[in-house]
Amino acid sequence: MSAEQKMKVHLKLDSFETDIEGSPEEVALEVNRIASQLLPTFNIARKVFLNFSLSDLINKFGDFVKITPEGPRVVTDKPLSDKIMIALQLVAVKMHAETGKQGAGRTTLQELERTTGLNPKSISSRLSELVKAGYVERVVVEDGTFYFINTVGIDWLAKQLPPHK
């Protein structure tokens, strides 16, 4: 969507009715605000459900990952452990997929080696740890073995990084 595009939403719940117009992000935030006021159980549900939108990923990890013409990359001058670097690269791949620029949001060990510059044995060991902890999924299909960070892994990673400024 271009910056000039506007979205219009009509909300109706029992006797409450309103129209919201603005950028997609403004509309989404306003719908969320209204829903949390109108639906007391909505706040309870937000405490139970764990999910990350592209906007959430950008807000949480935008200081560390960028989508470049060469693809998704970890871009930071802060010293990070290999495990965090790998998890961040997997988030970058997921963000790239969420933008519609890349298919599945998964990557291979070889691609992680190319994009992070880390030692292949270190990547393999750290991926095994992340898979064992339940933060990363390993998928074997006809065309290879792929890795992707799952929702619990994203939550874990967000807690490992310094607070967003």
Foldseek 3Di string as FASTA:
>chain_A
DDQPDKDKDWDDDPPDIDIDMDHPVVVVVVVVVVCVVVPVCVVVVVVVDFDAALVNLCQLCVQFWDQDPVGIAGDDPDDDDPLLRLLSSLSSLQSCVNVVNDPDSKADLVVSCVRRVDDSVVSVVSVVVCVVVVQKDWDQDPVGIIIHGDRVNVVVSSVVDDDRD
